């Protein structure tokens, strides 16, 4: 059974030769391939090579077409600050008056910012792995793009003070996610992960998620599935217990849960949705390989006899981690699985 088959069978709740291992490994893969983070986020060949090199070393079951959290906002027009060994970040909000959203054009994924970098990396990855391994493309959700365009503090203020204007901003950012996501599918991605950290209950209230985020996720996942995405995957970090019951209404089929949500809790709250997680991301920096394998086996034990489970990190593995600290996930899966 290859990685592609292993993941798809697990998502269908079918027994597999072992539990799939799908940690969120992005920039951390660059160092092992001999590249800086700047190289990784600006070069399609180096992004793809880093992902493939890491998979050869670790043996996990997926590769990721993803640079960083600011690709969409940069393509819209935000100025980024780049560093050699850190992800680029938005220097300052692009708009102050929410009515300015009407002055912004939708970015062209084939031309604007670094969207073409990730699109080309997606094609390179698919050309190599074909259908032996899933290529997961990662896109930012509407709430997080809005937080970069107008600033997180500004977004939270306007949600209360100018809800109608925030709705229009989110309509725009939803279109950015849709356009970029569709381009990544056309480039060869098997599926998407929608990341939306600003939609976490650690940032916005549950009712805000239900009212502003949920219908947009539902539309996005529906369209991506219609365009051929294999699975609708949502990754929101933090303690998401009070929004997990909404995921089914958003057409989510796979949910990444952070270490603050136990595996049994996730299954109980999500119903028939598959679960990915939930090792503490910083443990890949601070813990020993032996301790990480122990924690991975704990996750596997807690999953019980459920087959809709993919072992992984509760959020992105930090770029400071060593790949030797990620290998124990595969070792644990091999040792634990029937």
C-alpha atoms as a PDB file:
ATOM      1  CA  UNK A   1       0.000   0.000   0.000  1.00  0.00           C
ATOM      2  CA  UNK A   2       1.510   3.343  -1.016  1.00  0.00           C
ATOM      3  CA  UNK A   3       1.013   6.654   0.771  1.00  0.00           C
ATOM      4  CA  UNK A   4      -1.775   7.810  -1.537  1.00  0.00           C
ATOM      5  CA  UNK A   5      -3.758   4.627  -0.951  1.00  0.00           C
ATOM      6  CA  UNK A   6      -3.016   4.671   2.773  1.00  0.00           C
ATOM      7  CA  UNK A   7      -4.357   8.186   3.233  1.00  0.00           C
ATOM      8  CA  UNK A   8      -7.437   7.742   1.050  1.00  0.00           C
ATOM      9  CA  UNK A   9      -8.367   4.459   2.703  1.00  0.00           C
ATOM     10  CA  UNK A  10      -7.999   6.044   6.117  1.00  0.00           C
ATOM     11  CA  UNK A  11     -10.219   8.955   5.091  1.00  0.00           C
ATOM     12  CA  UNK A  12     -12.823   6.397   3.974  1.00  0.00           C
ATOM     13  CA  UNK A  13     -12.571   4.725   7.429  1.00  0.00           C
ATOM     14  CA  UNK A  14     -11.061   1.597   5.910  1.00  0.00           C
ATOM     15  CA  UNK A  15      -8.315  -0.467   7.510  1.00  0.00           C
ATOM     16  CA  UNK A  16      -4.798   0.289   6.295  1.00  0.00           C
ATOM     17  CA  UNK A  17      -1.411  -1.391   6.680  1.00  0.00           C
ATOM     18  CA  UNK A  18      -0.518   1.353   9.181  1.00  0.00           C
ATOM     19  CA  UNK A  19      -1.923   4.663  10.324  1.00  0.00           C
ATOM     20  CA  UNK A  20      -0.920   7.430   7.877  1.00  0.00           C
ATOM     21  CA  UNK A  21       1.622   9.923   9.181  1.00  0.00           C
ATOM     22  CA  UNK A  22       0.911  13.497   8.124  1.00  0.00           C
ATOM     23  CA  UNK A  23       2.792  16.130  10.146  1.00  0.00           C
ATOM     24  CA  UNK A  24       2.551  19.725   8.914  1.00  0.00           C
ATOM     25  CA  UNK A  25       6.137  20.077   7.667  1.00  0.00           C
ATOM     26  CA  UNK A  26       6.757  23.197   5.625  1.00  0.00           C
ATOM     27  CA  UNK A  27       9.794  25.452   6.124  1.00  0.00           C
ATOM     28  CA  UNK A  28      11.369  22.909   8.449  1.00  0.00           C
ATOM     29  CA  UNK A  29      12.144  20.832   5.368  1.00  0.00           C
ATOM     30  CA  UNK A  30      14.438  23.502   3.904  1.00  0.00           C
ATOM     31  CA  UNK A  31      17.302  23.140   6.358  1.00  0.00           C
ATOM     32  CA  UNK A  32      17.728  19.414   5.717  1.00  0.00           C
ATOM     33  CA  UNK A  33      17.911  20.119   1.975  1.00  0.00           C
ATOM     34  CA  UNK A  34      20.565  22.781   2.509  1.00  0.00           C
ATOM     35  CA  UNK A  35      18.408  25.836   1.850  1.00  0.00           C
ATOM     36  CA  UNK A  36      17.469  28.921   3.818  1.00  0.00           C
ATOM     37  CA  UNK A  37      13.864  29.794   4.582  1.00  0.00           C
ATOM     38  CA  UNK A  38      14.202  32.649   2.099  1.00  0.00           C
ATOM     39  CA  UNK A  39      15.222  30.104  -0.561  1.00  0.00           C
ATOM     40  CA  UNK A  40      12.267  27.916   0.358  1.00  0.00           C
ATOM     41  CA  UNK A  41       9.607  30.623   0.116  1.00  0.00           C
ATOM     42  CA  UNK A  42      10.897  32.247  -3.078  1.00  0.00           C
ATOM     43  CA  UNK A  43      12.040  29.345  -5.295  1.00  0.00           C
ATOM     44  CA  UNK A  44       9.631  26.736  -6.662  1.00  0.00           C
ATOM     45  CA  UNK A  45      12.417  24.250  -7.326  1.00  0.00           C
ATOM     46  CA  UNK A  46      13.843  24.578  -3.811  1.00  0.00           C
ATOM     47  CA  UNK A  47      10.430  24.378  -2.170  1.00  0.00           C
ATOM     48  CA  UNK A  48       9.626  21.184  -4.077  1.00  0.00           C
ATOM     49  CA  UNK A  49      13.092  19.709  -3.557  1.00  0.00           C
ATOM     50  CA  UNK A  50      12.910  20.403   0.189  1.00  0.00           C
ATOM     51  CA  UNK A  51       9.561  18.650   0.481  1.00  0.00           C
ATOM     52  CA  UNK A  52      10.697  15.617  -1.481  1.00  0.00           C
ATOM     53  CA  UNK A  53      14.024  15.376   0.361  1.00  0.00           C
ATOM     54  CA  UNK A  54      12.265  15.467   3.720  1.00  0.00           C
ATOM     55  CA  UNK A  55       9.832  12.758   2.676  1.00  0.00           C
ATOM     56  CA  UNK A  56      12.710  10.513   1.639  1.00  0.00           C
ATOM     57  CA  UNK A  57      14.330  11.016   5.061  1.00  0.00           C
ATOM     58  CA  UNK A  58      11.211  10.773   7.221  1.00  0.00           C
ATOM     59  CA  UNK A  59       8.956   8.441   5.264  1.00  0.00           C
ATOM     60  CA  UNK A  60       5.734  10.333   5.987  1.00  0.00           C
ATOM     61  CA  UNK A  61       2.710  10.137   3.741  1.00  0.00           C
ATOM     62  CA  UNK A  62       2.188  13.564   2.160  1.00  0.00           C
ATOM     63  CA  UNK A  63       4.008  16.498   0.577  1.00  0.00           C
ATOM     64  CA  UNK A  64       2.883  20.097   0.864  1.00  0.00           C
ATOM     65  CA  UNK A  65       2.693  22.885  -1.690  1.00  0.00           C
ATOM     66  CA  UNK A  66       2.997  25.744   0.767  1.00  0.00           C
ATOM     67  CA  UNK A  67       5.436  28.580   1.329  1.00  0.00           C
ATOM     68  CA  UNK A  68       4.159  30.759   4.191  1.00  0.00           C
ATOM     69  CA  UNK A  69       1.117  32.526   5.591  1.00  0.00           C
ATOM     70  CA  UNK A  70       1.610  35.752   3.620  1.00  0.00           C
ATOM     71  CA  UNK A  71       1.471  34.581  -0.006  1.00  0.00           C
ATOM     72  CA  UNK A  72      -2.102  35.776  -0.571  1.00  0.00           C
ATOM     73  CA  UNK A  73      -1.708  39.113   1.207  1.00  0.00           C
ATOM     74  CA  UNK A  74       1.495  39.893  -0.695  1.00  0.00           C
ATOM     75  CA  UNK A  75      -0.202  39.105  -4.008  1.00  0.00           C
ATOM     76  CA  UNK A  76      -2.967  41.540  -3.063  1.00  0.00           C
ATOM     77  CA  UNK A  77      -0.436  44.295  -2.413  1.00  0.00           C
ATOM     78  CA  UNK A  78       0.849  44.067   1.176  1.00  0.00           C
ATOM     79  CA  UNK A  79       4.527  44.844   1.679  1.00  0.00           C
ATOM     80  CA  UNK A  80       6.433  42.024   3.360  1.00  0.00           C
ATOM     81  CA  UNK A  81       9.563  41.962   5.458  1.00  0.00           C
ATOM     82  CA  UNK A  82      11.876  39.141   4.392  1.00  0.00           C
ATOM     83  CA  UNK A  83      14.595  37.506   6.468  1.00  0.00           C
ATOM     84  CA  UNK A  84      17.033  34.747   5.577  1.00  0.00           C
ATOM     85  CA  UNK A  85      15.954  32.253   8.247  1.00  0.00           C
ATOM     86  CA  UNK A  86      12.397  33.278   9.094  1.00  0.00           C
ATOM     87  CA  UNK A  87       9.108  33.440   7.265  1.00  0.00           C
ATOM     88  CA  UNK A  88       8.221  36.787   5.677  1.00  0.00           C
ATOM     89  CA  UNK A  89       5.669  38.880   7.544  1.00  0.00           C
ATOM     90  CA  UNK A  90       3.383  41.760   6.576  1.00  0.00           C
ATOM     91  CA  UNK A  91       4.998  45.098   7.481  1.00  0.00           C
ATOM     92  CA  UNK A  92       1.769  47.008   7.977  1.00  0.00           C
ATOM     93  CA  UNK A  93      -1.914  46.784   7.039  1.00  0.00           C
ATOM     94  CA  UNK A  94      -2.725  47.612   3.448  1.00  0.00           C
ATOM     95  CA  UNK A  95      -5.988  49.448   4.127  1.00  0.00           C
ATOM     96  CA  UNK A  96      -7.210  51.595   7.010  1.00  0.00           C
ATOM     97  CA  UNK A  97     -10.691  52.516   5.792  1.00  0.00           C
ATOM     98  CA  UNK A  98     -12.668  49.365   5.067  1.00  0.00           C
ATOM     99  CA  UNK A  99     -14.355  51.049   2.124  1.00  0.00           C
ATOM    100  CA  UNK A 100     -10.973  50.884   0.383  1.00  0.00           C
ATOM    101  CA  UNK A 101     -11.600  47.175  -0.206  1.00  0.00           C
ATOM    102  CA  UNK A 102     -13.494  48.206  -3.341  1.00  0.00           C
ATOM    103  CA  UNK A 103     -10.270  49.670  -4.767  1.00  0.00           C
ATOM    104  CA  UNK A 104      -8.395  46.357  -4.640  1.00  0.00           C
ATOM    105  CA  UNK A 105      -8.202  44.087  -7.651  1.00  0.00           C
ATOM    106  CA  UNK A 106      -8.277  40.337  -7.208  1.00  0.00           C
ATOM    107  CA  UNK A 107      -4.738  39.003  -7.600  1.00  0.00           C
ATOM    108  CA  UNK A 108      -3.964  36.884 -10.636  1.00  0.00           C
ATOM    109  CA  UNK A 109      -2.527  33.588  -9.329  1.00  0.00           C
ATOM    110  CA  UNK A 110      -0.447  33.194 -12.480  1.00  0.00           C
ATOM    111  CA  UNK A 111       1.233  36.577 -12.174  1.00  0.00           C
ATOM    112  CA  UNK A 112       0.989  38.291  -8.788  1.00  0.00           C
ATOM    113  CA  UNK A 113       3.390  38.046  -5.870  1.00  0.00           C
ATOM    114  CA  UNK A 114       4.652  34.572  -5.093  1.00  0.00           C
ATOM    115  CA  UNK A 115       1.482  32.750  -6.044  1.00  0.00           C
ATOM    116  CA  UNK A 116       3.238  31.599  -9.253  1.00  0.00           C
ATOM    117  CA  UNK A 117       6.106  30.234  -7.105  1.00  0.00           C
ATOM    118  CA  UNK A 118       3.797  27.930  -5.167  1.00  0.00           C
ATOM    119  CA  UNK A 119       1.847  27.013  -8.296  1.00  0.00           C
ATOM    120  CA  UNK A 120       5.023  25.910 -10.056  1.00  0.00           C
ATOM    121  CA  UNK A 121       6.168  24.034  -6.938  1.00  0.00           C
ATOM    122  CA  UNK A 122       2.816  22.222  -6.932  1.00  0.00           C
ATOM    123  CA  UNK A 123       3.343  21.054 -10.509  1.00  0.00           C
ATOM    124  CA  UNK A 124       6.895  19.948  -9.738  1.00  0.00           C
ATOM    125  CA  UNK A 125       5.713  17.914  -6.749  1.00  0.00           C
ATOM    126  CA  UNK A 126       2.879  16.262  -8.683  1.00  0.00           C
ATOM    127  CA  UNK A 127       5.201  15.447 -11.576  1.00  0.00           C
ATOM    128  CA  UNK A 128       7.469  13.526  -9.195  1.00  0.00           C
ATOM    129  CA  UNK A 129       5.003  11.766  -6.877  1.00  0.00           C
ATOM    130  CA  UNK A 130       2.149  11.361  -9.402  1.00  0.00           C
ATOM    131  CA  UNK A 131      -0.512   9.365  -7.528  1.00  0.00           C
ATOM    132  CA  UNK A 132       1.798   7.565  -5.112  1.00  0.00           C
ATOM    133  CA  UNK A 133       1.537  10.365  -2.558  1.00  0.00           C
ATOM    134  CA  UNK A 134      -0.930  13.194  -2.033  1.00  0.00           C
ATOM    135  CA  UNK A 135       0.179  16.728  -2.857  1.00  0.00           C
ATOM    136  CA  UNK A 136      -1.672  18.985  -0.419  1.00  0.00           C
ATOM    137  CA  UNK A 137      -1.820  22.656  -1.358  1.00  0.00           C
ATOM    138  CA  UNK A 138      -2.309  25.106   1.479  1.00  0.00           C
ATOM    139  CA  UNK A 139      -4.365  28.289   1.254  1.00  0.00           C
ATOM    140  CA  UNK A 140      -5.225  30.924   3.819  1.00  0.00           C
ATOM    141  CA  UNK A 141      -8.818  31.279   4.918  1.00  0.00           C
ATOM    142  CA  UNK A 142     -10.855  34.483   4.506  1.00  0.00           C
ATOM    143  CA  UNK A 143     -10.576  35.630   8.124  1.00  0.00           C
ATOM    144  CA  UNK A 144      -6.786  35.417   8.244  1.00  0.00           C
ATOM    145  CA  UNK A 145      -6.272  37.223   4.936  1.00  0.00           C
ATOM    146  CA  UNK A 146      -8.566  39.973   6.221  1.00  0.00           C
ATOM    147  CA  UNK A 147      -6.508  40.178   9.415  1.00  0.00           C
ATOM    148  CA  UNK A 148      -3.395  40.853   7.355  1.00  0.00           C
ATOM    149  CA  UNK A 149      -5.046  43.396   5.070  1.00  0.00           C
ATOM    150  CA  UNK A 150      -6.502  45.556   7.849  1.00  0.00           C
ATOM    151  CA  UNK A 151      -4.488  44.388  10.849  1.00  0.00           C
ATOM    152  CA  UNK A 152      -5.679  41.948  13.488  1.00  0.00           C
ATOM    153  CA  UNK A 153      -6.561  44.652  15.979  1.00  0.00           C
ATOM    154  CA  UNK A 154      -8.425  46.562  13.306  1.00  0.00           C
ATOM    155  CA  UNK A 155     -10.329  43.458  12.231  1.00  0.00           C
ATOM    156  CA  UNK A 156     -11.458  42.677  15.770  1.00  0.00           C
ATOM    157  CA  UNK A 157     -12.518  46.280  16.308  1.00  0.00           C
ATOM    158  CA  UNK A 158     -14.462  46.473  13.047  1.00  0.00           C
ATOM    159  CA  UNK A 159     -16.240  43.135  13.635  1.00  0.00           C
ATOM    160  CA  UNK A 160     -17.999  44.889  16.504  1.00  0.00           C
ATOM    161  CA  UNK A 161     -18.149  48.422  15.132  1.00  0.00           C
ATOM    162  CA  UNK A 162     -18.658  47.921  11.371  1.00  0.00           C
ATOM    163  CA  UNK A 163     -20.000  44.389  10.771  1.00  0.00           C
ATOM    164  CA  UNK A 164     -21.465  45.185   7.342  1.00  0.00           C
ATOM    165  CA  UNK A 165     -18.143  46.530   6.097  1.00  0.00           C
ATOM    166  CA  UNK A 166     -16.291  43.513   7.502  1.00  0.00           C
ATOM    167  CA  UNK A 167     -18.683  41.299   5.544  1.00  0.00           C
ATOM    168  CA  UNK A 168     -17.602  43.037   2.334  1.00  0.00           C
ATOM    169  CA  UNK A 169     -13.925  42.601   3.213  1.00  0.00           C
ATOM    170  CA  UNK A 170     -14.510  38.887   3.824  1.00  0.00           C
ATOM    171  CA  UNK A 171     -16.398  38.590   0.545  1.00  0.00           C
ATOM    172  CA  UNK A 172     -13.259  39.875  -1.150  1.00  0.00           C
ATOM    173  CA  UNK A 173     -10.841  37.646   0.772  1.00  0.00           C
ATOM    174  CA  UNK A 174     -13.065  34.623   0.119  1.00  0.00           C
ATOM    175  CA  UNK A 175     -12.656  35.285  -3.608  1.00  0.00           C
ATOM    176  CA  UNK A 176      -8.875  35.460  -3.164  1.00  0.00           C
ATOM    177  CA  UNK A 177      -8.875  32.047  -1.470  1.00  0.00           C
ATOM    178  CA  UNK A 178     -11.168  30.610  -4.149  1.00  0.00           C
ATOM    179  CA  UNK A 179      -9.150  31.907  -7.101  1.00  0.00           C
ATOM    180  CA  UNK A 180      -5.779  30.826  -5.692  1.00  0.00           C
ATOM    181  CA  UNK A 181      -7.129  27.472  -4.526  1.00  0.00           C
ATOM    182  CA  UNK A 182      -8.552  26.664  -7.944  1.00  0.00           C
ATOM    183  CA  UNK A 183      -5.246  27.581  -9.599  1.00  0.00           C
ATOM    184  CA  UNK A 184      -3.401  25.196  -7.276  1.00  0.00           C
ATOM    185  CA  UNK A 185      -5.793  22.393  -8.196  1.00  0.00           C
ATOM    186  CA  UNK A 186      -5.211  23.072 -11.864  1.00  0.00           C
ATOM    187  CA  UNK A 187      -1.461  22.940 -11.214  1.00  0.00           C
ATOM    188  CA  UNK A 188      -1.716  19.400  -9.854  1.00  0.00           C
ATOM    189  CA  UNK A 189      -2.650  19.568  -6.171  1.00  0.00           C
ATOM    190  CA  UNK A 190      -4.739  16.623  -5.001  1.00  0.00           C
ATOM    191  CA  UNK A 191      -6.427  18.638  -2.262  1.00  0.00           C
ATOM    192  CA  UNK A 192      -6.278  21.757  -0.120  1.00  0.00           C
ATOM    193  CA  UNK A 193      -5.708  22.543   3.485  1.00  0.00           C
ATOM    194  CA  UNK A 194      -7.435  25.769   4.441  1.00  0.00           C
ATOM    195  CA  UNK A 195      -5.487  27.438   7.232  1.00  0.00           C
ATOM    196  CA  UNK A 196      -7.337  30.107   9.138  1.00  0.00           C
ATOM    197  CA  UNK A 197      -5.592  30.825  12.458  1.00  0.00           C
ATOM    198  CA  UNK A 198      -7.494  34.079  12.966  1.00  0.00           C
ATOM    199  CA  UNK A 199     -10.751  32.091  12.960  1.00  0.00           C
ATOM    200  CA  UNK A 200      -9.609  30.238  16.090  1.00  0.00           C
ATOM    201  CA  UNK A 201     -11.692  30.685  19.258  1.00  0.00           C
ATOM    202  CA  UNK A 202      -8.435  31.897  20.798  1.00  0.00           C
ATOM    203  CA  UNK A 203      -8.819  34.983  18.589  1.00  0.00           C
ATOM    204  CA  UNK A 204     -12.499  35.511  17.725  1.00  0.00           C
ATOM    205  CA  UNK A 205     -15.654  34.407  19.573  1.00  0.00           C
ATOM    206  CA  UNK A 206     -17.496  31.255  18.570  1.00  0.00           C
ATOM    207  CA  UNK A 207     -20.439  33.255  17.236  1.00  0.00           C
ATOM    208  CA  UNK A 208     -18.140  35.208  14.921  1.00  0.00           C
ATOM    209  CA  UNK A 209     -16.853  31.940  13.480  1.00  0.00           C
ATOM    210  CA  UNK A 210     -20.385  30.657  12.996  1.00  0.00           C
ATOM    211  CA  UNK A 211     -21.673  33.871  11.434  1.00  0.00           C
ATOM    212  CA  UNK A 212     -18.750  35.105   9.328  1.00  0.00           C
ATOM    213  CA  UNK A 213     -16.479  32.132   8.660  1.00  0.00           C
ATOM    214  CA  UNK A 214     -18.700  29.078   8.462  1.00  0.00           C
ATOM    215  CA  UNK A 215     -20.720  29.987   5.339  1.00  0.00           C
ATOM    216  CA  UNK A 216     -17.550  31.008   3.515  1.00  0.00           C
ATOM    217  CA  UNK A 217     -15.764  27.770   4.333  1.00  0.00           C
ATOM    218  CA  UNK A 218     -18.825  25.853   3.208  1.00  0.00           C
ATOM    219  CA  UNK A 219     -18.832  27.578  -0.187  1.00  0.00           C
ATOM    220  CA  UNK A 220     -15.082  27.200  -0.651  1.00  0.00           C
ATOM    221  CA  UNK A 221     -14.962  23.508   0.191  1.00  0.00           C
ATOM    222  CA  UNK A 222     -18.010  22.806  -1.979  1.00  0.00           C
ATOM    223  CA  UNK A 223     -16.392  24.467  -4.982  1.00  0.00           C
ATOM    224  CA  UNK A 224     -12.996  22.865  -4.418  1.00  0.00           C
ATOM    225  CA  UNK A 225     -14.640  19.433  -4.292  1.00  0.00           C
ATOM    226  CA  UNK A 226     -16.510  20.189  -7.501  1.00  0.00           C
ATOM    227  CA  UNK A 227     -13.174  21.104  -9.097  1.00  0.00           C
ATOM    228  CA  UNK A 228     -11.635  17.766  -8.061  1.00  0.00           C
ATOM    229  CA  UNK A 229     -10.146  18.186  -4.577  1.00  0.00           C
ATOM    230  CA  UNK A 230      -9.893  14.766  -2.918  1.00  0.00           C
ATOM    231  CA  UNK A 231     -10.642  15.975   0.603  1.00  0.00           C
ATOM    232  CA  UNK A 232     -11.880  19.134   2.315  1.00  0.00           C
ATOM    233  CA  UNK A 233      -9.299  19.751   5.043  1.00  0.00           C
ATOM    234  CA  UNK A 234      -9.436  22.485   7.683  1.00  0.00           C
ATOM    235  CA  UNK A 235      -6.586  23.371  10.037  1.00  0.00           C
ATOM    236  CA  UNK A 236      -7.286  25.873  12.825  1.00  0.00           C
ATOM    237  CA  UNK A 237      -4.905  25.925  15.769  1.00  0.00           C
ATOM    238  CA  UNK A 238      -5.669  26.389  19.442  1.00  0.00           C
ATOM    239  CA  UNK A 239      -8.501  25.109  21.582  1.00  0.00           C
ATOM    240  CA  UNK A 240     -11.196  24.594  18.948  1.00  0.00           C
ATOM    241  CA  UNK A 241     -13.566  22.457  21.020  1.00  0.00           C
ATOM    242  CA  UNK A 242     -16.427  24.946  20.829  1.00  0.00           C
ATOM    243  CA  UNK A 243     -16.314  25.245  17.020  1.00  0.00           C
ATOM    244  CA  UNK A 244     -15.578  21.637  16.033  1.00  0.00           C
ATOM    245  CA  UNK A 245     -19.307  20.772  16.016  1.00  0.00           C
ATOM    246  CA  UNK A 246     -19.732  23.346  13.207  1.00  0.00           C
ATOM    247  CA  UNK A 247     -17.212  21.654  10.914  1.00  0.00           C
ATOM    248  CA  UNK A 248     -19.719  19.253   9.399  1.00  0.00           C
ATOM    249  CA  UNK A 249     -21.874  22.207   8.306  1.00  0.00           C
ATOM    250  CA  UNK A 250     -18.787  23.633   6.590  1.00  0.00           C
ATOM    251  CA  UNK A 251     -18.355  20.486   4.453  1.00  0.00           C
ATOM    252  CA  UNK A 252     -15.123  19.611   6.294  1.00  0.00           C
ATOM    253  CA  UNK A 253     -13.961  16.009   5.792  1.00  0.00           C
ATOM    254  CA  UNK A 254     -10.611  16.137   7.619  1.00  0.00           C
ATOM    255  CA  UNK A 255      -9.798  18.318  10.622  1.00  0.00           C
ATOM    256  CA  UNK A 256      -6.403  19.015  12.152  1.00  0.00           C
ATOM    257  CA  UNK A 257      -6.719  19.428  15.911  1.00  0.00           C
ATOM    258  CA  UNK A 258      -4.143  20.984  18.225  1.00  0.00           C
ATOM    259  CA  UNK A 259      -2.766  19.450  21.407  1.00  0.00           C
ATOM    260  CA  UNK A 260      -5.398  21.288  23.483  1.00  0.00           C
ATOM    261  CA  UNK A 261      -8.042  18.939  22.010  1.00  0.00           C
ATOM    262  CA  UNK A 262      -7.586  15.260  22.816  1.00  0.00           C
ATOM    263  CA  UNK A 263      -8.069  12.648  20.114  1.00  0.00           C
ATOM    264  CA  UNK A 264     -11.182  11.154  21.784  1.00  0.00           C
ATOM    265  CA  UNK A 265     -12.679  14.637  22.235  1.00  0.00           C
ATOM    266  CA  UNK A 266     -12.035  15.422  18.579  1.00  0.00           C
ATOM    267  CA  UNK A 267     -13.803  12.287  17.375  1.00  0.00           C
ATOM    268  CA  UNK A 268     -16.727  12.900  19.721  1.00  0.00           C
ATOM    269  CA  UNK A 269     -17.156  16.516  18.619  1.00  0.00           C
ATOM    270  CA  UNK A 270     -16.559  15.958  14.903  1.00  0.00           C
ATOM    271  CA  UNK A 271     -18.746  12.911  14.382  1.00  0.00           C
ATOM    272  CA  UNK A 272     -17.786  11.125  11.167  1.00  0.00           C
ATOM    273  CA  UNK A 273     -15.112  13.665  10.143  1.00  0.00           C
ATOM    274  CA  UNK A 274     -11.562  12.272   9.980  1.00  0.00           C
ATOM    275  CA  UNK A 275      -8.998  13.598  12.453  1.00  0.00           C
ATOM    276  CA  UNK A 276      -5.363  14.671  12.030  1.00  0.00           C
ATOM    277  CA  UNK A 277      -3.154  15.568  14.990  1.00  0.00           C
ATOM    278  CA  UNK A 278      -2.473  16.270  17.771  1.00  0.00           C
ATOM    279  CA  UNK A 279       1.155  16.301  18.943  1.00  0.00           C
ATOM    280  CA  UNK A 280       2.316  19.564  20.493  1.00  0.00           C
ATOM    281  CA  UNK A 281       4.261  21.332  17.724  1.00  0.00           C
ATOM    282  CA  UNK A 282       7.039  22.683  19.953  1.00  0.00           C
ATOM    283  CA  UNK A 283       7.766  19.177  21.217  1.00  0.00           C
ATOM    284  CA  UNK A 284       9.567  18.588  17.917  1.00  0.00           C
ATOM    285  CA  UNK A 285      12.062  21.213  19.092  1.00  0.00           C
ATOM    286  CA  UNK A 286      12.194  20.582  22.828  1.00  0.00           C
ATOM    287  CA  UNK A 287      11.690  16.826  23.220  1.00  0.00           C
ATOM    288  CA  UNK A 288      13.845  13.799  22.463  1.00  0.00           C
ATOM    289  CA  UNK A 289      13.006  11.346  19.672  1.00  0.00           C
ATOM    290  CA  UNK A 290      12.148   8.758  22.333  1.00  0.00           C
ATOM    291  CA  UNK A 291       9.688  11.097  24.036  1.00  0.00           C
ATOM    292  CA  UNK A 292       8.083  12.031  20.714  1.00  0.00           C
ATOM    293  CA  UNK A 293       7.623   8.363  19.809  1.00  0.00           C
ATOM    294  CA  UNK A 294       6.004   7.829  23.204  1.00  0.00           C
ATOM    295  CA  UNK A 295       3.593  10.712  22.615  1.00  0.00           C
ATOM    296  CA  UNK A 296       2.827   9.455  19.106  1.00  0.00           C
ATOM    297  CA  UNK A 297       1.967   5.999  20.455  1.00  0.00           C
ATOM    298  CA  UNK A 298      -0.298   7.659  23.004  1.00  0.00           C
ATOM    299  CA  UNK A 299      -2.187   9.333  20.138  1.00  0.00           C
ATOM    300  CA  UNK A 300      -2.438   6.017  18.315  1.00  0.00           C
ATOM    301  CA  UNK A 301      -3.770   4.329  21.430  1.00  0.00           C
ATOM    302  CA  UNK A 302      -6.325   7.089  22.029  1.00  0.00           C
ATOM    303  CA  UNK A 303      -7.623   6.744  18.488  1.00  0.00           C
ATOM    304  CA  UNK A 304      -8.809   3.279  19.493  1.00  0.00           C
ATOM    305  CA  UNK A 305     -10.150   1.176  16.639  1.00  0.00           C
ATOM    306  CA  UNK A 306     -11.106   4.172  14.511  1.00  0.00           C
ATOM    307  CA  UNK A 307      -9.566   4.202  11.025  1.00  0.00           C
ATOM    308  CA  UNK A 308     -10.375   7.791  10.113  1.00  0.00           C
ATOM    309  CA  UNK A 309      -7.212   9.065  11.754  1.00  0.00           C
ATOM    310  CA  UNK A 310      -3.974  10.547  10.428  1.00  0.00           C
ATOM    311  CA  UNK A 311      -1.142  10.887  12.944  1.00  0.00           C
ATOM    312  CA  UNK A 312       0.494  14.301  12.908  1.00  0.00           C
ATOM    313  CA  UNK A 313       1.272  17.588  14.556  1.00  0.00           C
ATOM    314  CA  UNK A 314      -1.464  19.814  15.953  1.00  0.00           C
ATOM    315  CA  UNK A 315      -0.130  22.694  13.865  1.00  0.00           C
ATOM    316  CA  UNK A 316       2.959  23.424  11.794  1.00  0.00           C
ATOM    317  CA  UNK A 317       6.182  21.782  12.950  1.00  0.00           C
ATOM    318  CA  UNK A 318       8.469  24.743  13.818  1.00  0.00           C
ATOM    319  CA  UNK A 319      11.258  25.550  11.394  1.00  0.00           C
ATOM    320  CA  UNK A 320      13.756  25.119  14.265  1.00  0.00           C
ATOM    321  CA  UNK A 321      12.943  21.405  14.582  1.00  0.00           C
ATOM    322  CA  UNK A 322      15.224  18.612  13.380  1.00  0.00           C
ATOM    323  CA  UNK A 323      13.900  16.001  10.990  1.00  0.00           C
ATOM    324  CA  UNK A 324      15.263  13.326  13.347  1.00  0.00           C
ATOM    325  CA  UNK A 325      12.538  14.421  15.755  1.00  0.00           C
ATOM    326  CA  UNK A 326       9.833  13.815  13.144  1.00  0.00           C
ATOM    327  CA  UNK A 327      10.936  10.325  12.096  1.00  0.00           C
ATOM    328  CA  UNK A 328       9.610   8.798  15.351  1.00  0.00           C
ATOM    329  CA  UNK A 329       6.050   9.398  14.104  1.00  0.00           C
ATOM    330  CA  UNK A 330       6.570   6.912  11.290  1.00  0.00           C
ATOM    331  CA  UNK A 331       8.386   4.533  13.626  1.00  0.00           C
ATOM    332  CA  UNK A 332       5.487   4.696  16.084  1.00  0.00           C
ATOM    333  CA  UNK A 333       2.976   4.022  13.317  1.00  0.00           C
ATOM    334  CA  UNK A 334       4.950   1.006  12.089  1.00  0.00           C
ATOM    335  CA  UNK A 335       5.366  -0.408  15.587  1.00  0.00           C
ATOM    336  CA  UNK A 336       1.814   0.248  16.743  1.00  0.00           C
ATOM    337  CA  UNK A 337      -0.275  -0.568  13.700  1.00  0.00           C
ATOM    338  CA  UNK A 338      -1.447  -4.123  12.908  1.00  0.00           C
END
